[in-house]
N, C-alpha and C. Protein backbone atom coordinates (compact mmCIF):
# COMPACT_ATOMS: atom_id res chain seq x y z
N UNK A 1 -41.48 -66.01 1.20
CA UNK A 1 -42.10 -66.41 -0.04
C UNK A 1 -43.44 -65.69 -0.16
N UNK A 2 -43.73 -65.19 -1.32
CA UNK A 2 -44.97 -64.45 -1.56
C UNK A 2 -46.16 -65.38 -1.71
N UNK A 3 -47.34 -64.77 -1.62
CA UNK A 3 -48.57 -65.53 -1.83
C UNK A 3 -48.77 -65.71 -3.32
N UNK A 4 -49.24 -66.87 -3.73
CA UNK A 4 -49.50 -67.17 -5.13
C UNK A 4 -50.47 -66.16 -5.72
N UNK A 5 -50.18 -65.63 -6.93
CA UNK A 5 -51.07 -64.64 -7.52
C UNK A 5 -52.46 -65.19 -7.82
N UNK A 6 -52.57 -66.47 -8.14
CA UNK A 6 -53.86 -67.08 -8.38
C UNK A 6 -54.78 -66.22 -9.23
N UNK A 7 -56.06 -66.25 -8.91
CA UNK A 7 -57.08 -65.56 -9.68
C UNK A 7 -56.96 -64.05 -9.54
N UNK A 8 -56.48 -63.57 -8.41
CA UNK A 8 -56.44 -62.13 -8.15
C UNK A 8 -55.29 -61.43 -8.87
N UNK A 9 -54.30 -62.16 -9.36
CA UNK A 9 -53.20 -61.56 -10.10
C UNK A 9 -52.27 -60.70 -9.27
N UNK A 10 -52.24 -60.93 -7.94
CA UNK A 10 -51.43 -60.11 -7.03
C UNK A 10 -50.58 -61.01 -6.16
N UNK A 11 -49.30 -60.68 -6.02
CA UNK A 11 -48.41 -61.38 -5.10
C UNK A 11 -48.05 -60.41 -3.98
N UNK A 12 -48.22 -60.85 -2.72
CA UNK A 12 -47.85 -60.04 -1.57
C UNK A 12 -46.92 -60.85 -0.68
N UNK A 13 -46.26 -60.19 0.23
CA UNK A 13 -45.36 -60.83 1.17
C UNK A 13 -45.71 -60.36 2.56
N UNK A 14 -45.63 -61.24 3.55
CA UNK A 14 -45.89 -60.81 4.92
C UNK A 14 -44.78 -59.89 5.41
N UNK A 15 -45.13 -59.01 6.32
CA UNK A 15 -44.14 -58.10 6.90
C UNK A 15 -43.13 -58.90 7.73
N UNK A 16 -41.85 -58.55 7.66
CA UNK A 16 -40.85 -59.23 8.48
C UNK A 16 -41.13 -59.03 9.97
N UNK A 17 -40.78 -60.00 10.77
CA UNK A 17 -40.97 -59.90 12.22
C UNK A 17 -40.30 -58.64 12.76
N UNK A 18 -41.01 -57.90 13.57
CA UNK A 18 -40.45 -56.71 14.20
C UNK A 18 -40.51 -55.44 13.35
N UNK A 19 -40.94 -55.55 12.11
CA UNK A 19 -41.01 -54.36 11.24
C UNK A 19 -42.19 -53.50 11.67
N UNK A 20 -41.97 -52.18 11.75
CA UNK A 20 -43.02 -51.25 12.15
C UNK A 20 -43.99 -51.02 11.00
N UNK A 21 -45.27 -51.28 11.27
CA UNK A 21 -46.30 -51.04 10.27
C UNK A 21 -47.01 -49.72 10.56
N UNK A 22 -47.53 -49.11 9.52
CA UNK A 22 -48.22 -47.83 9.65
C UNK A 22 -49.51 -48.00 10.44
N UNK A 23 -49.76 -47.05 11.33
CA UNK A 23 -51.03 -46.99 12.05
C UNK A 23 -51.99 -46.04 11.34
N UNK A 24 -51.51 -45.35 10.30
CA UNK A 24 -52.31 -44.34 9.61
C UNK A 24 -52.93 -44.83 8.31
N UNK A 25 -52.39 -45.87 7.71
CA UNK A 25 -52.83 -46.31 6.39
C UNK A 25 -53.11 -47.80 6.36
N UNK A 26 -54.10 -48.18 5.56
CA UNK A 26 -54.33 -49.58 5.22
C UNK A 26 -54.41 -49.65 3.71
N UNK A 27 -54.13 -50.81 3.15
CA UNK A 27 -54.09 -50.96 1.71
C UNK A 27 -54.64 -52.33 1.33
N UNK A 28 -55.46 -52.35 0.28
CA UNK A 28 -55.94 -53.59 -0.31
C UNK A 28 -55.72 -53.50 -1.81
N UNK A 29 -55.16 -54.56 -2.38
CA UNK A 29 -54.94 -54.65 -3.82
C UNK A 29 -55.74 -55.85 -4.31
N UNK A 30 -56.73 -55.58 -5.15
CA UNK A 30 -57.68 -56.61 -5.60
C UNK A 30 -58.26 -57.36 -4.41
N UNK A 31 -58.54 -56.63 -3.33
CA UNK A 31 -59.15 -57.22 -2.15
C UNK A 31 -58.19 -57.88 -1.20
N UNK A 32 -56.93 -58.00 -1.57
CA UNK A 32 -55.93 -58.66 -0.72
C UNK A 32 -55.22 -57.59 0.12
N UNK A 33 -55.15 -57.83 1.44
CA UNK A 33 -54.46 -56.90 2.33
C UNK A 33 -52.96 -56.89 2.03
N UNK A 34 -52.38 -55.69 1.98
CA UNK A 34 -50.95 -55.52 1.74
C UNK A 34 -50.37 -54.72 2.91
N UNK A 35 -49.29 -55.19 3.55
CA UNK A 35 -48.72 -54.44 4.66
C UNK A 35 -48.26 -53.05 4.21
N UNK A 36 -48.53 -52.06 5.05
CA UNK A 36 -48.05 -50.69 4.82
C UNK A 36 -47.02 -50.40 5.91
N UNK A 37 -45.81 -50.12 5.50
CA UNK A 37 -44.70 -49.90 6.42
C UNK A 37 -44.61 -48.44 6.80
N UNK A 38 -44.14 -48.18 8.00
CA UNK A 38 -43.94 -46.82 8.48
C UNK A 38 -42.47 -46.45 8.32
N UNK A 39 -42.22 -45.23 7.87
CA UNK A 39 -40.84 -44.76 7.74
C UNK A 39 -40.80 -43.25 7.98
N UNK A 40 -39.64 -42.74 8.21
CA UNK A 40 -39.45 -41.30 8.38
C UNK A 40 -38.84 -40.73 7.12
N UNK A 41 -39.36 -39.58 6.70
CA UNK A 41 -38.85 -38.88 5.53
C UNK A 41 -38.58 -37.43 5.90
N UNK A 42 -37.84 -36.74 5.08
CA UNK A 42 -37.49 -35.35 5.34
C UNK A 42 -38.74 -34.48 5.30
N UNK A 43 -38.89 -33.62 6.30
CA UNK A 43 -39.97 -32.63 6.33
C UNK A 43 -39.46 -31.29 5.85
N UNK A 44 -38.19 -31.23 5.51
CA UNK A 44 -37.55 -30.00 5.05
C UNK A 44 -37.64 -30.00 3.53
N UNK A 45 -37.91 -28.84 2.89
CA UNK A 45 -38.15 -28.81 1.45
C UNK A 45 -36.93 -29.10 0.56
N UNK A 46 -35.83 -29.46 1.15
CA UNK A 46 -34.66 -29.81 0.33
C UNK A 46 -33.99 -31.02 0.95
N UNK A 47 -33.39 -31.81 0.14
CA UNK A 47 -32.62 -32.96 0.61
C UNK A 47 -31.22 -32.83 0.06
N UNK A 48 -30.27 -32.90 0.92
CA UNK A 48 -28.87 -32.82 0.52
C UNK A 48 -28.13 -33.92 1.27
N UNK A 49 -27.32 -34.67 0.56
CA UNK A 49 -26.54 -35.72 1.19
C UNK A 49 -25.32 -35.08 1.85
N UNK A 50 -25.24 -35.24 3.14
CA UNK A 50 -24.09 -34.76 3.90
C UNK A 50 -23.46 -35.96 4.57
N UNK A 51 -22.30 -36.41 4.11
CA UNK A 51 -21.67 -37.59 4.70
C UNK A 51 -21.55 -37.47 6.21
N UNK A 52 -22.00 -38.51 6.91
CA UNK A 52 -21.89 -38.53 8.36
C UNK A 52 -22.96 -37.73 9.07
N UNK A 53 -23.94 -37.20 8.34
CA UNK A 53 -24.97 -36.36 8.96
C UNK A 53 -26.29 -37.09 8.97
N UNK A 54 -26.92 -37.16 10.10
CA UNK A 54 -28.26 -37.73 10.24
C UNK A 54 -29.22 -36.59 10.55
N UNK A 55 -30.25 -36.43 9.73
CA UNK A 55 -31.22 -35.36 9.96
C UNK A 55 -31.88 -35.55 11.32
N UNK A 56 -32.01 -34.47 12.11
CA UNK A 56 -32.69 -34.58 13.41
C UNK A 56 -34.15 -35.01 13.23
N UNK A 57 -34.66 -35.77 14.18
CA UNK A 57 -36.03 -36.28 14.10
C UNK A 57 -37.03 -35.15 13.94
N UNK A 58 -36.79 -33.99 14.55
CA UNK A 58 -37.74 -32.88 14.43
C UNK A 58 -37.79 -32.29 13.02
N UNK A 59 -36.90 -32.72 12.13
CA UNK A 59 -36.93 -32.29 10.73
C UNK A 59 -37.47 -33.40 9.82
N UNK A 60 -38.13 -34.38 10.43
CA UNK A 60 -38.70 -35.49 9.66
C UNK A 60 -40.19 -35.60 9.95
N UNK A 61 -40.86 -36.41 9.13
CA UNK A 61 -42.26 -36.72 9.36
C UNK A 61 -42.50 -38.17 8.97
N UNK A 62 -43.57 -38.74 9.51
CA UNK A 62 -43.89 -40.14 9.20
C UNK A 62 -44.54 -40.25 7.83
N UNK A 63 -44.20 -41.31 7.14
CA UNK A 63 -44.81 -41.63 5.84
C UNK A 63 -45.05 -43.14 5.82
N UNK A 64 -45.77 -43.59 4.83
CA UNK A 64 -46.01 -45.01 4.68
C UNK A 64 -45.65 -45.46 3.28
N UNK A 65 -45.25 -46.71 3.14
CA UNK A 65 -44.99 -47.27 1.82
C UNK A 65 -45.37 -48.75 1.81
N UNK A 66 -45.64 -49.25 0.63
CA UNK A 66 -46.01 -50.65 0.47
C UNK A 66 -45.47 -51.14 -0.87
N UNK A 67 -45.43 -52.45 -1.03
CA UNK A 67 -45.02 -53.01 -2.32
C UNK A 67 -45.74 -54.32 -2.55
N UNK A 68 -45.95 -54.64 -3.82
CA UNK A 68 -46.57 -55.87 -4.25
C UNK A 68 -46.20 -56.12 -5.69
N UNK A 69 -46.48 -57.32 -6.15
CA UNK A 69 -46.24 -57.69 -7.54
C UNK A 69 -47.60 -57.98 -8.16
N UNK A 70 -47.75 -57.58 -9.42
CA UNK A 70 -49.02 -57.85 -10.09
C UNK A 70 -48.76 -58.35 -11.50
N UNK A 71 -49.67 -59.17 -11.99
CA UNK A 71 -49.53 -59.76 -13.30
C UNK A 71 -50.56 -59.22 -14.28
N UNK A 72 -51.38 -58.29 -13.82
CA UNK A 72 -52.40 -57.66 -14.64
C UNK A 72 -52.88 -56.39 -13.94
N UNK A 73 -53.71 -55.57 -14.58
CA UNK A 73 -54.23 -54.37 -13.89
C UNK A 73 -54.97 -54.76 -12.60
N UNK A 74 -54.84 -53.90 -11.58
CA UNK A 74 -55.43 -54.19 -10.28
C UNK A 74 -56.22 -52.98 -9.77
N UNK A 75 -57.03 -53.23 -8.76
CA UNK A 75 -57.74 -52.16 -8.05
C UNK A 75 -57.05 -51.95 -6.72
N UNK A 76 -56.66 -50.70 -6.46
CA UNK A 76 -55.96 -50.35 -5.22
C UNK A 76 -56.89 -49.50 -4.37
N UNK A 77 -57.10 -49.93 -3.13
CA UNK A 77 -57.94 -49.17 -2.18
C UNK A 77 -57.19 -48.98 -0.90
C-alpha cells in the first residue's frame, strides 16, 4: 500500500523485500524519499529480440529507475 499523498501530493511505495536498490542514485519527490531500483540495460547501441537469447552481462550496464504517483506538479531532486 502506498503512502497517503496528503499535503505533498505524492504517493510512494516501499521497495519489496530483497529488491536491489541503486547505490549510485537517490531521489526525492517533494521532499519524500523514493526508492531507486537497480537494473541492467543493453550497453550495445541496438536492441533486437532474439527468442531464447540472453545478452551476456559484459554487453550490459547498470541503470536506475523509480516510480511514484502524483496528484499535482512536483519537485524532483
